[in-house]
C-alpha cells in the first residue's frame, strides 16, 4: 500500500541488527500500525551478514521490501551497505556506519566502498 513505510537494516552478526529491528517493529505496533518483519541471520554467529526488513502502515501484506522501495536504510557495517543498493531509490534516507569488520578469511578490507556508495 502507498502508506506502508519500509526500513532495511543490514550489518554483521553481533552488531545488534536483529535487536534494532525488534525494537522498531514493536514501536510501530505500539503506535497502532500493522507491522511485519523478516530477518536473515544464518551465519551471524560467525560474523556473517545479517539483515532485517521492517514494514509498517495501516495494512501490510508482506514483510519483504520490494527492490527500490526502501524508505530508510540503516547499515551497521560499511561493506554490508553495498549488498542492498538495488533496494534503494533516490528518496531513500541513508544512515551508514563507517564501521569496518574484516570478512572471514580476508587479509585486508576492500578499498573504494565509500566512493561506490557516493557514486550510487
C-alpha atoms as a PDB file:
ATOM      1  CA  UNK A   1       0.000   0.000   0.000  1.00  0.00           C
ATOM      2  CA  UNK A   2       1.028   3.585  -0.537  1.00  0.00           C
ATOM      3  CA  UNK A   3       1.143   4.341   3.191  1.00  0.00           C
ATOM      4  CA  UNK A   4       3.469   1.432   4.013  1.00  0.00           C
ATOM      5  CA  UNK A   5       6.877   2.557   5.271  1.00  0.00           C
ATOM      6  CA  UNK A   6       9.925   0.352   4.658  1.00  0.00           C
ATOM      7  CA  UNK A   7      13.066   0.186   6.791  1.00  0.00           C
ATOM      8  CA  UNK A   8      16.015  -2.026   5.901  1.00  0.00           C
ATOM      9  CA  UNK A   9      18.715  -2.804   8.471  1.00  0.00           C
ATOM     10  CA  UNK A  10      21.955  -4.512   7.433  1.00  0.00           C
ATOM     11  CA  UNK A  11      25.017  -5.496   9.406  1.00  0.00           C
ATOM     12  CA  UNK A  12      27.237  -8.282  10.625  1.00  0.00           C
ATOM     13  CA  UNK A  13      26.462 -10.822  13.338  1.00  0.00           C
ATOM     14  CA  UNK A  14      26.767  -9.372  16.822  1.00  0.00           C
ATOM     15  CA  UNK A  15      26.127  -5.739  15.906  1.00  0.00           C
ATOM     16  CA  UNK A  16      22.506  -5.665  17.060  1.00  0.00           C
ATOM     17  CA  UNK A  17      20.664  -5.540  13.730  1.00  0.00           C
ATOM     18  CA  UNK A  18      18.061  -8.064  14.903  1.00  0.00           C
ATOM     19  CA  UNK A  19      17.584  -6.268  18.229  1.00  0.00           C
ATOM     20  CA  UNK A  20      17.140  -2.951  16.387  1.00  0.00           C
ATOM     21  CA  UNK A  21      14.534  -4.497  14.073  1.00  0.00           C
ATOM     22  CA  UNK A  22      12.667  -5.984  17.036  1.00  0.00           C
ATOM     23  CA  UNK A  23      12.555  -2.595  18.746  1.00  0.00           C
ATOM     24  CA  UNK A  24      11.370  -0.785  15.602  1.00  0.00           C
ATOM     25  CA  UNK A  25       8.678  -3.396  14.922  1.00  0.00           C
ATOM     26  CA  UNK A  26       7.374  -3.239  18.484  1.00  0.00           C
ATOM     27  CA  UNK A  27       7.371   0.571  18.385  1.00  0.00           C
ATOM     28  CA  UNK A  28       5.296   0.518  15.190  1.00  0.00           C
ATOM     29  CA  UNK A  29       2.822  -1.931  16.746  1.00  0.00           C
ATOM     30  CA  UNK A  30       2.581   0.184  19.907  1.00  0.00           C
ATOM     31  CA  UNK A  31       1.868   3.233  17.727  1.00  0.00           C
ATOM     32  CA  UNK A  32      -1.114   1.395  16.236  1.00  0.00           C
ATOM     33  CA  UNK A  33       0.338   0.342  12.887  1.00  0.00           C
ATOM     34  CA  UNK A  34       0.210  -3.049  11.270  1.00  0.00           C
ATOM     35  CA  UNK A  35       3.847  -4.188  11.222  1.00  0.00           C
ATOM     36  CA  UNK A  36       5.696  -7.060   9.602  1.00  0.00           C
ATOM     37  CA  UNK A  37       9.346  -8.078   9.925  1.00  0.00           C
ATOM     38  CA  UNK A  38      11.600 -10.500   8.090  1.00  0.00           C
ATOM     39  CA  UNK A  39      15.168 -11.304   9.102  1.00  0.00           C
ATOM     40  CA  UNK A  40      18.050 -13.438   7.952  1.00  0.00           C
ATOM     41  CA  UNK A  41      20.841 -14.281  10.353  1.00  0.00           C
ATOM     42  CA  UNK A  42      22.124 -17.678   9.222  1.00  0.00           C
ATOM     43  CA  UNK A  43      25.868 -17.323   9.790  1.00  0.00           C
ATOM     44  CA  UNK A  44      25.592 -14.339  12.105  1.00  0.00           C
ATOM     45  CA  UNK A  45      27.315 -16.136  14.980  1.00  0.00           C
ATOM     46  CA  UNK A  46      30.400 -16.383  12.776  1.00  0.00           C
ATOM     47  CA  UNK A  47      30.411 -12.731  11.756  1.00  0.00           C
ATOM     48  CA  UNK A  48      28.282 -13.249   8.671  1.00  0.00           C
ATOM     49  CA  UNK A  49      25.761 -10.991   7.007  1.00  0.00           C
ATOM     50  CA  UNK A  50      22.582 -10.103   8.897  1.00  0.00           C
ATOM     51  CA  UNK A  51      19.648  -8.131   7.550  1.00  0.00           C
ATOM     52  CA  UNK A  52      16.097  -7.321   8.502  1.00  0.00           C
ATOM     53  CA  UNK A  53      13.152  -5.855   6.614  1.00  0.00           C
ATOM     54  CA  UNK A  54      10.643  -3.862   8.692  1.00  0.00           C
ATOM     55  CA  UNK A  55       7.402  -2.690   7.114  1.00  0.00           C
ATOM     56  CA  UNK A  56       4.590  -0.802   8.819  1.00  0.00           C
ATOM     57  CA  UNK A  57       1.451   1.068   7.835  1.00  0.00           C
ATOM     58  CA  UNK A  58      -2.318   0.804   8.016  1.00  0.00           C
ATOM     59  CA  UNK A  59      -2.204  -2.656   6.386  1.00  0.00           C
ATOM     60  CA  UNK A  60       0.959  -4.562   5.437  1.00  0.00           C
ATOM     61  CA  UNK A  61       0.615  -7.712   3.347  1.00  0.00           C
ATOM     62  CA  UNK A  62       4.231  -8.903   3.171  1.00  0.00           C
ATOM     63  CA  UNK A  63       7.300  -8.495   5.372  1.00  0.00           C
ATOM     64  CA  UNK A  64       9.660  -8.380   2.379  1.00  0.00           C
ATOM     65  CA  UNK A  65      10.593  -4.979   0.970  1.00  0.00           C
ATOM     66  CA  UNK A  66      10.495  -4.855  -2.841  1.00  0.00           C
ATOM     67  CA  UNK A  67      13.580  -3.674  -4.723  1.00  0.00           C
ATOM     68  CA  UNK A  68      13.720   0.089  -4.967  1.00  0.00           C
ATOM     69  CA  UNK A  69      11.170   0.628  -2.183  1.00  0.00           C
ATOM     70  CA  UNK A  70      13.307   1.258   0.935  1.00  0.00           C
ATOM     71  CA  UNK A  71      12.442   4.497   2.726  1.00  0.00           C
ATOM     72  CA  UNK A  72      15.156   4.259   5.406  1.00  0.00           C
ATOM     73  CA  UNK A  73      18.346   2.216   5.137  1.00  0.00           C
ATOM     74  CA  UNK A  74      20.360   1.626   8.304  1.00  0.00           C
ATOM     75  CA  UNK A  75      23.693  -0.078   7.696  1.00  0.00           C
ATOM     76  CA  UNK A  76      25.782  -1.014  10.709  1.00  0.00           C
ATOM     77  CA  UNK A  77      28.829  -2.066   8.647  1.00  0.00           C
ATOM     78  CA  UNK A  78      30.270  -0.287   5.626  1.00  0.00           C
ATOM     79  CA  UNK A  79      30.667  -3.203   3.206  1.00  0.00           C
ATOM     80  CA  UNK A  80      27.202  -4.565   4.014  1.00  0.00           C
ATOM     81  CA  UNK A  81      25.823  -1.333   2.519  1.00  0.00           C
ATOM     82  CA  UNK A  82      26.855  -2.473  -0.956  1.00  0.00           C
ATOM     83  CA  UNK A  83      24.700  -5.605  -0.852  1.00  0.00           C
ATOM     84  CA  UNK A  84      21.489  -3.573  -0.782  1.00  0.00           C
ATOM     85  CA  UNK A  85      21.978  -0.818  -3.351  1.00  0.00           C
ATOM     86  CA  UNK A  86      19.302  -2.301  -5.624  1.00  0.00           C
ATOM     87  CA  UNK A  87      16.710  -1.871  -2.850  1.00  0.00           C
ATOM     88  CA  UNK A  88      17.348   1.873  -2.538  1.00  0.00           C
ATOM     89  CA  UNK A  89      15.927   4.739  -4.567  1.00  0.00           C
ATOM     90  CA  UNK A  90      16.768   8.444  -4.907  1.00  0.00           C
ATOM     91  CA  UNK A  91      14.494   9.326  -1.957  1.00  0.00           C
ATOM     92  CA  UNK A  92      15.895   6.693   0.435  1.00  0.00           C
ATOM     93  CA  UNK A  93      17.288   8.127   3.664  1.00  0.00           C
ATOM     94  CA  UNK A  94      20.665   6.567   4.461  1.00  0.00           C
ATOM     95  CA  UNK A  95      22.278   6.027   7.843  1.00  0.00           C
ATOM     96  CA  UNK A  96      25.563   4.222   7.197  1.00  0.00           C
ATOM     97  CA  UNK A  97      28.131   3.455   9.854  1.00  0.00           C
ATOM     98  CA  UNK A  98      31.781   3.687   8.849  1.00  0.00           C
ATOM     99  CA  UNK A  99      32.500   0.586  10.952  1.00  0.00           C
ATOM    100  CA  UNK A 100      34.694  -1.901   9.084  1.00  0.00           C
ATOM    101  CA  UNK A 101      34.641  -5.552  10.113  1.00  0.00           C
ATOM    102  CA  UNK A 102      37.149  -7.671   8.263  1.00  0.00           C
ATOM    103  CA  UNK A 103      35.378 -10.519   6.454  1.00  0.00           C
ATOM    104  CA  UNK A 104      36.350 -14.062   7.432  1.00  0.00           C
ATOM    105  CA  UNK A 105      39.361 -15.375   5.515  1.00  0.00           C
ATOM    106  CA  UNK A 106      40.205 -11.875   4.207  1.00  0.00           C
ATOM    107  CA  UNK A 107      43.612 -10.332   4.755  1.00  0.00           C
ATOM    108  CA  UNK A 108      42.525  -6.747   4.228  1.00  0.00           C
ATOM    109  CA  UNK A 109      39.372  -4.693   3.976  1.00  0.00           C
ATOM    110  CA  UNK A 110      38.301  -3.854   0.397  1.00  0.00           C
ATOM    111  CA  UNK A 111      39.044  -0.316  -0.788  1.00  0.00           C
ATOM    112  CA  UNK A 112      36.718   2.077  -2.577  1.00  0.00           C
ATOM    113  CA  UNK A 113      33.479   1.283  -0.762  1.00  0.00           C
ATOM    114  CA  UNK A 114      32.749   4.904   0.190  1.00  0.00           C
ATOM    115  CA  UNK A 115      33.342   6.010  -3.406  1.00  0.00           C
ATOM    116  CA  UNK A 116      30.985   3.323  -4.719  1.00  0.00           C
ATOM    117  CA  UNK A 117      28.276   4.401  -2.251  1.00  0.00           C
ATOM    118  CA  UNK A 118      28.650   8.065  -3.178  1.00  0.00           C
ATOM    119  CA  UNK A 119      28.518   7.236  -6.891  1.00  0.00           C
ATOM    120  CA  UNK A 120      25.314   5.288  -6.458  1.00  0.00           C
END
